[in-house]
């Protein structure tokens, strides 16, 4: 009864606008704890001051070179002129985005970009995984390290050198084109053939980045407990079954993570690689959104339209990453964040 009367008294006090004794006590403790928490936070910040000092250059880099340039997206709503600047250029509302929808070059560039992106996701994305599985199944460490060293090398070569190497092999006077010409009887030049351009670009990406991409998969495979392989071997599981039932499930979260991140750049298929070879095959098959932004914005001076195209690219990538992350979690995975 006493507790009931006390509760009623507390309620009456609350209705009357006065804090109840219990709430007043809790609020009092909270007020007393706030200065203590602030002192504790300041003490911990001071103790880790050298660590934060090391973080400071990286933080400044991202702020200056990653976040401040985002303000330049305002050009997408302007008829921008470099001589007038953002403040002096006239605002055109959504006209640049409307022109994106009606410009035939944008449609062609979008189609070419999607074709290359799909090919790279289907062939170039799983290539490092397959190579990592192959390397993981090799028992000899010496052979494994030799193969790793060889396949890593192309990653450190610039696209100019890569294209020159491929030109020497698949160009009009290249060794492979010469061999094809002798076999078929017709002159062959794969570097200038529009029909094989998409496959050529995808093959170059695989050759250049497949070794580097295996690093993450091989690192993930080392986290799979060895006891699982030993138990499976005792049960009579062969190499194929161990790979299918132990290795792949053990690195599924890493595969999903990389796939989600790859979807974020689905409209980015490489600028330098394509612009070096675009003139050889023509813009009809080689014009992608990255080169469109360069030609129309930097060379053509249509900065507003080019910025709008780049902004749409970023928004599409963001939506795809968020959607893929949501779908991965709905399917029971961990997602990227």
Protein backbone atom coordinates (compact mmCIF):
# COMPACT_ATOMS: atom_id res chain seq x y z
CA UNK A 1 0.00 0.00 0.00
CA UNK A 2 2.82 2.33 0.90
CA UNK A 3 4.47 1.62 -2.43
CA UNK A 4 1.11 2.24 -4.17
CA UNK A 5 0.63 5.55 -2.33
CA UNK A 6 4.19 6.50 -3.21
CA UNK A 7 3.61 5.69 -6.84
CA UNK A 8 0.43 7.71 -6.90
CA UNK A 9 2.23 10.60 -5.25
CA UNK A 10 4.93 10.38 -7.87
CA UNK A 11 2.34 10.40 -10.65
CA UNK A 12 0.54 13.41 -9.11
CA UNK A 13 3.86 15.20 -8.85
CA UNK A 14 4.61 14.40 -12.48
CA UNK A 15 1.20 15.65 -13.61
CA UNK A 16 1.79 18.78 -11.55
CA UNK A 17 5.03 19.35 -13.41
CA UNK A 18 7.37 18.44 -10.57
CA UNK A 19 9.96 15.65 -11.00
CA UNK A 20 9.29 12.47 -9.05
CA UNK A 21 11.80 11.52 -6.35
CA UNK A 22 13.00 8.51 -8.33
CA UNK A 23 13.35 10.52 -11.56
CA UNK A 24 14.93 13.35 -9.69
CA UNK A 25 17.40 10.89 -8.20
CA UNK A 26 18.15 9.38 -11.65
CA UNK A 27 18.42 12.81 -13.22
CA UNK A 28 20.70 13.88 -10.42
CA UNK A 29 22.97 10.93 -10.99
CA UNK A 30 22.96 11.67 -14.73
CA UNK A 31 23.94 15.28 -14.13
CA UNK A 32 26.69 14.14 -11.78
CA UNK A 33 27.94 11.56 -14.30
CA UNK A 34 28.17 13.97 -17.24
CA UNK A 35 31.19 15.91 -15.94
CA UNK A 36 32.77 12.61 -14.96
CA UNK A 37 32.27 11.24 -18.49
CA UNK A 38 33.69 14.39 -20.02
CA UNK A 39 36.73 14.19 -17.77
CA UNK A 40 37.14 10.50 -18.68
CA UNK A 41 36.83 11.32 -22.40
CA UNK A 42 39.39 14.12 -22.16
CA UNK A 43 41.74 11.82 -20.22
CA UNK A 44 41.45 9.05 -22.84
CA UNK A 45 41.95 11.52 -25.70
CA UNK A 46 45.05 12.90 -24.02
CA UNK A 47 46.44 9.42 -23.38
CA UNK A 48 45.97 8.46 -27.05
CA UNK A 49 47.03 11.85 -28.39
CA UNK A 50 49.94 10.43 -30.43
CA UNK A 51 47.67 7.91 -32.14
CA UNK A 52 45.26 10.67 -33.13
CA UNK A 53 48.23 12.67 -34.37
CA UNK A 54 49.08 9.83 -36.75
CA UNK A 55 45.46 9.76 -37.96
CA UNK A 56 45.46 13.51 -38.60
CA UNK A 57 47.34 13.48 -41.98
CA UNK A 58 45.01 10.84 -43.39
CA UNK A 59 41.99 12.72 -42.11
CA UNK A 60 43.21 15.96 -43.70
CA UNK A 61 43.85 14.13 -46.97
CA UNK A 62 40.31 12.78 -47.17
CA UNK A 63 38.77 16.10 -46.19
CA UNK A 64 40.80 18.11 -48.71
CA UNK A 65 40.88 15.69 -51.65
CA UNK A 66 37.72 13.66 -51.16
CA UNK A 67 35.06 15.72 -49.41
CA UNK A 68 35.82 19.33 -50.36
CA UNK A 69 35.74 18.48 -54.12
CA UNK A 70 32.17 17.24 -53.63
CA UNK A 71 31.16 20.90 -53.51
CA UNK A 72 32.11 21.08 -57.19
CA UNK A 73 29.04 18.99 -58.03
CA UNK A 74 27.15 22.27 -57.94
CA UNK A 75 28.37 22.69 -61.52
CA UNK A 76 25.80 20.06 -62.53
CA UNK A 77 23.09 22.71 -62.02
CA UNK A 78 24.97 25.45 -63.85
CA UNK A 79 25.97 26.55 -67.32
CA UNK A 80 29.48 26.58 -65.97
CA UNK A 81 32.25 28.70 -67.35
CA UNK A 82 35.81 28.42 -65.96
CA UNK A 83 36.22 32.17 -66.52
CA UNK A 84 33.19 33.02 -64.37
CA UNK A 85 33.62 30.35 -61.72
CA UNK A 86 30.86 28.75 -59.68
CA UNK A 87 29.72 32.08 -58.23
CA UNK A 88 29.48 33.85 -61.58
CA UNK A 89 28.12 31.03 -63.77
CA UNK A 90 24.35 31.07 -64.37
CA UNK A 91 22.16 28.44 -62.75
CA UNK A 92 20.12 26.26 -65.11
CA UNK A 93 18.23 24.10 -62.60
CA UNK A 94 17.78 20.53 -63.96
CA UNK A 95 18.52 21.31 -67.63
CA UNK A 96 21.80 19.39 -67.64
CA UNK A 97 20.11 16.28 -66.26
CA UNK A 98 17.31 16.63 -68.82
CA UNK A 99 19.89 16.80 -71.61
CA UNK A 100 21.42 13.58 -70.29
CA UNK A 101 18.17 11.78 -71.03
CA UNK A 102 17.95 13.04 -74.61
CA UNK A 103 21.60 13.03 -75.68
CA UNK A 104 22.22 10.05 -78.04
CA UNK A 105 25.91 9.96 -77.10
CA UNK A 106 24.95 9.34 -73.47
CA UNK A 107 22.75 6.41 -74.47
CA UNK A 108 25.54 4.85 -76.55
CA UNK A 109 28.09 5.43 -73.80
CA UNK A 110 25.75 3.90 -71.22
CA UNK A 111 25.18 0.78 -73.33
CA UNK A 112 28.90 0.32 -73.95
CA UNK A 113 29.62 0.85 -70.25
CA UNK A 114 27.04 -1.72 -69.17
CA UNK A 115 28.33 -4.28 -71.70
CA UNK A 116 31.90 -3.92 -70.44
CA UNK A 117 30.80 -3.88 -66.82
CA UNK A 118 28.74 -7.06 -67.17
CA UNK A 119 31.62 -8.83 -68.91
CA UNK A 120 34.01 -7.76 -66.19
CA UNK A 121 31.67 -8.90 -63.41
CA UNK A 122 31.01 -12.24 -65.09
CA UNK A 123 34.61 -13.01 -66.12
CA UNK A 124 37.07 -10.66 -64.41
CA UNK A 125 35.53 -10.77 -60.92
CA UNK A 126 35.61 -14.59 -60.40
CA UNK A 127 39.00 -14.97 -62.12
CA UNK A 128 41.03 -14.10 -58.97
CA UNK A 129 38.85 -16.44 -56.93
CA UNK A 130 39.46 -19.33 -59.31
CA UNK A 131 43.20 -18.62 -59.35
CA UNK A 132 43.27 -18.42 -55.55
CA UNK A 133 41.48 -21.78 -55.30
CA UNK A 134 44.01 -23.26 -57.72
CA UNK A 135 46.96 -21.86 -55.79
CA UNK A 136 45.47 -23.01 -52.50
CA UNK A 137 45.29 -26.57 -53.82
CA UNK A 138 48.99 -26.62 -54.79
CA UNK A 139 50.96 -28.44 -52.15
CA UNK A 140 54.41 -27.16 -53.07
CA UNK A 141 55.02 -23.75 -51.47
CA UNK A 142 57.89 -23.04 -53.86
CA UNK A 143 55.70 -23.54 -56.92
CA UNK A 144 52.91 -21.53 -55.33
CA UNK A 145 55.19 -18.55 -54.57
CA UNK A 146 56.66 -18.64 -58.09
CA UNK A 147 53.21 -18.52 -59.68
CA UNK A 148 52.12 -15.77 -57.32
CA UNK A 149 55.17 -13.66 -58.16
CA UNK A 150 54.57 -14.06 -61.90
CA UNK A 151 50.87 -13.22 -61.83
CA UNK A 152 51.38 -10.21 -59.53
CA UNK A 153 53.74 -8.45 -61.94
CA UNK A 154 51.20 -7.09 -64.48
CA UNK A 155 49.48 -5.13 -61.72
CA UNK A 156 52.52 -2.86 -61.42
CA UNK A 157 52.62 -2.11 -65.15
CA UNK A 158 50.89 1.02 -66.41
CA UNK A 159 48.10 0.84 -68.97
CA UNK A 160 50.29 2.46 -71.60
CA UNK A 161 52.77 -0.41 -71.35
CA UNK A 162 49.97 -2.98 -71.21
CA UNK A 163 48.37 -1.66 -74.39
CA UNK A 164 51.78 -1.59 -76.08
CA UNK A 165 52.38 -5.24 -75.16
CA UNK A 166 48.97 -6.26 -76.45
CA UNK A 167 49.52 -4.24 -79.61
CA UNK A 168 52.74 -6.18 -80.18
CA UNK A 169 50.82 -9.46 -79.83
CA UNK A 170 47.37 -8.77 -81.28
CA UNK A 171 48.04 -5.76 -83.55
CA UNK A 172 48.27 -5.90 -87.33
CA UNK A 173 51.91 -6.99 -87.24
CA UNK A 174 51.66 -8.83 -83.93
CA UNK A 175 52.71 -12.43 -83.49
CA UNK A 176 49.26 -13.81 -82.74
CA UNK A 177 47.56 -11.77 -85.47
CA UNK A 178 50.18 -12.97 -87.92
CA UNK A 179 49.52 -16.57 -86.89
CA UNK A 180 45.75 -16.08 -87.31
CA UNK A 181 46.32 -14.53 -90.72
CA UNK A 182 48.29 -17.57 -91.85
CA UNK A 183 45.68 -19.99 -90.51
CA UNK A 184 42.58 -18.20 -91.84
CA UNK A 185 44.14 -16.65 -94.91
CA UNK A 186 42.63 -13.25 -94.06
CA UNK A 187 44.47 -10.34 -92.42
CA UNK A 188 43.74 -10.17 -88.69
CA UNK A 189 44.08 -7.20 -86.36
CA UNK A 190 42.27 -7.81 -83.09
CA UNK A 191 43.23 -4.39 -81.71
CA UNK A 192 41.14 -2.58 -84.32
CA UNK A 193 38.24 -5.02 -84.55
CA UNK A 194 35.06 -3.48 -83.05
CA UNK A 195 33.44 -6.91 -82.73
CA UNK A 196 36.10 -8.17 -80.32
CA UNK A 197 36.78 -4.90 -78.51
CA UNK A 198 34.70 -5.73 -75.40
CA UNK A 199 36.34 -9.15 -75.03
CA UNK A 200 39.74 -7.57 -75.62
CA UNK A 201 39.19 -5.02 -72.83
CA UNK A 202 37.96 -7.71 -70.45
CA UNK A 203 40.93 -9.95 -71.24
CA UNK A 204 43.33 -7.10 -70.52
CA UNK A 205 41.68 -6.46 -67.15
CA UNK A 206 41.93 -10.13 -66.24
CA UNK A 207 45.58 -10.37 -67.31
CA UNK A 208 46.56 -7.23 -65.41
CA UNK A 209 44.61 -7.64 -62.17
CA UNK A 210 43.97 -11.35 -61.65
CA UNK A 211 47.14 -11.88 -59.63
CA UNK A 212 46.62 -8.85 -57.43
CA UNK A 213 43.02 -9.85 -56.77
CA UNK A 214 44.05 -13.23 -55.41
CA UNK A 215 45.73 -11.62 -52.40
CA UNK A 216 42.46 -11.02 -50.56
CA UNK A 217 41.06 -14.47 -51.37
CA UNK A 218 44.26 -16.25 -50.32
CA UNK A 219 44.33 -14.25 -47.09
CA UNK A 220 40.71 -15.23 -46.41
CA UNK A 221 41.50 -18.91 -47.04
CA UNK A 222 44.17 -18.87 -44.36
CA UNK A 223 41.44 -18.10 -41.80
CA UNK A 224 39.58 -21.36 -42.55
CA UNK A 225 40.42 -23.76 -39.67
CA UNK A 226 42.82 -26.49 -40.73
CA UNK A 227 40.94 -28.97 -38.53
CA UNK A 228 38.04 -28.89 -40.99
CA UNK A 229 40.29 -30.03 -43.85
CA UNK A 230 41.81 -32.75 -41.66
CA UNK A 231 38.39 -34.02 -40.55
CA UNK A 232 37.14 -34.00 -44.14
CA UNK A 233 40.24 -35.90 -45.32
CA UNK A 234 39.67 -38.50 -42.60
CA UNK A 235 36.08 -38.88 -43.81
CA UNK A 236 37.38 -39.53 -47.31
CA UNK A 237 36.59 -36.16 -48.92
CA UNK A 238 38.70 -35.43 -51.97
CA UNK A 239 40.22 -32.11 -52.99
CA UNK A 240 37.14 -31.08 -54.95
CA UNK A 241 34.76 -31.77 -52.04
CA UNK A 242 37.04 -29.99 -49.56
CA UNK A 243 37.13 -26.97 -51.80
CA UNK A 244 33.37 -26.99 -52.40
CA UNK A 245 32.19 -27.74 -48.85
CA UNK A 246 34.93 -26.10 -46.74
CA UNK A 247 36.92 -23.46 -48.62
CA UNK A 248 34.10 -21.73 -50.48
CA UNK A 249 31.70 -21.55 -47.47
CA UNK A 250 34.61 -20.28 -45.38
CA UNK A 251 35.25 -17.28 -47.66
CA UNK A 252 31.66 -16.56 -48.70
CA UNK A 253 31.50 -13.40 -46.61
CA UNK A 254 34.63 -12.04 -48.34
CA UNK A 255 33.23 -12.88 -51.79
CA UNK A 256 29.97 -11.09 -50.98
CA UNK A 257 31.84 -8.09 -49.60
CA UNK A 258 33.99 -7.72 -52.72
CA UNK A 259 30.99 -8.19 -55.00
CA UNK A 260 29.08 -5.46 -53.19
CA UNK A 261 32.03 -3.09 -53.51
CA UNK A 262 32.39 -4.01 -57.19
CA UNK A 263 28.77 -3.08 -57.83
CA UNK A 264 29.57 0.39 -56.53
CA UNK A 265 31.75 0.97 -59.59
CA UNK A 266 29.50 -0.76 -62.10
CA UNK A 267 29.47 2.36 -64.30
CA UNK A 268 33.24 2.79 -64.05
CA UNK A 269 35.01 0.44 -66.44
CA UNK A 270 38.34 2.19 -66.79
CA UNK A 271 39.29 5.51 -68.34
CA UNK A 272 42.95 5.28 -69.23
CA UNK A 273 42.71 1.77 -70.66
CA UNK A 274 39.84 2.64 -73.00
CA UNK A 275 40.90 6.10 -74.09
CA UNK A 276 44.23 4.64 -75.27
CA UNK A 277 42.37 2.27 -77.62
CA UNK A 278 39.22 4.20 -78.47
CA UNK A 279 40.56 5.83 -81.62
CA UNK A 280 41.53 2.44 -83.06
CA UNK A 281 37.99 1.01 -82.96
CA UNK A 282 35.80 4.11 -82.95
CA UNK A 283 33.49 5.76 -80.47
CA UNK A 284 30.49 3.60 -81.40
CA UNK A 285 31.84 0.65 -79.40
CA UNK A 286 34.50 2.30 -77.24
CA UNK A 287 32.76 5.40 -75.92
CA UNK A 288 31.95 4.82 -72.23
CA UNK A 289 30.70 7.21 -69.58
CA UNK A 290 34.22 7.97 -68.34
CA UNK A 291 35.48 8.96 -71.78
CA UNK A 292 32.21 10.80 -72.50
CA UNK A 293 32.78 12.97 -69.42
CA UNK A 294 36.32 13.70 -70.59
CA UNK A 295 35.50 14.52 -74.19
CA UNK A 296 32.33 16.48 -73.49
CA UNK A 297 33.51 18.24 -70.33
CA UNK A 298 37.25 18.80 -70.57
CA UNK A 299 37.65 18.99 -74.34
CA UNK A 300 34.17 20.18 -75.29
CA UNK A 301 33.73 22.69 -72.49
CA UNK A 302 30.26 21.42 -71.54
CA UNK A 303 31.16 21.19 -67.88
CA UNK A 304 27.60 21.15 -66.59
CA UNK A 305 26.54 18.12 -68.64
CA UNK A 306 29.76 16.24 -67.85
CA UNK A 307 29.40 16.91 -64.12
CA UNK A 308 25.78 15.80 -64.21
CA UNK A 309 26.85 12.54 -65.88
CA UNK A 310 29.53 11.97 -63.25
CA UNK A 311 27.09 12.74 -60.46
CA UNK A 312 24.53 10.28 -61.82
CA UNK A 313 27.27 7.66 -62.02
CA UNK A 314 28.06 8.14 -58.35
CA UNK A 315 24.42 8.05 -57.30
CA UNK A 316 23.77 4.84 -59.26
CA UNK A 317 26.81 3.22 -57.67
CA UNK A 318 25.68 4.28 -54.20
CA UNK A 319 22.18 2.91 -54.74
CA UNK A 320 23.58 -0.40 -56.03
CA UNK A 321 25.91 -0.75 -53.04
CA UNK A 322 23.11 -0.01 -50.56
CA UNK A 323 20.71 -2.33 -52.39
CA UNK A 324 23.22 -5.18 -52.62
CA UNK A 325 24.15 -4.75 -48.97
CA UNK A 326 20.47 -4.86 -47.98
CA UNK A 327 19.86 -7.95 -50.13
CA UNK A 328 22.90 -9.71 -48.68
CA UNK A 329 21.63 -9.15 -45.15
CA UNK A 330 18.12 -10.24 -46.09
CA UNK A 331 19.59 -13.49 -47.47
CA UNK A 332 21.37 -14.16 -44.20
CA UNK A 333 24.80 -12.75 -45.05
CA UNK A 334 26.81 -10.15 -43.19
CA UNK A 335 26.92 -7.51 -45.90
CA UNK A 336 29.59 -4.84 -46.20
CA UNK A 337 28.42 -2.64 -43.34
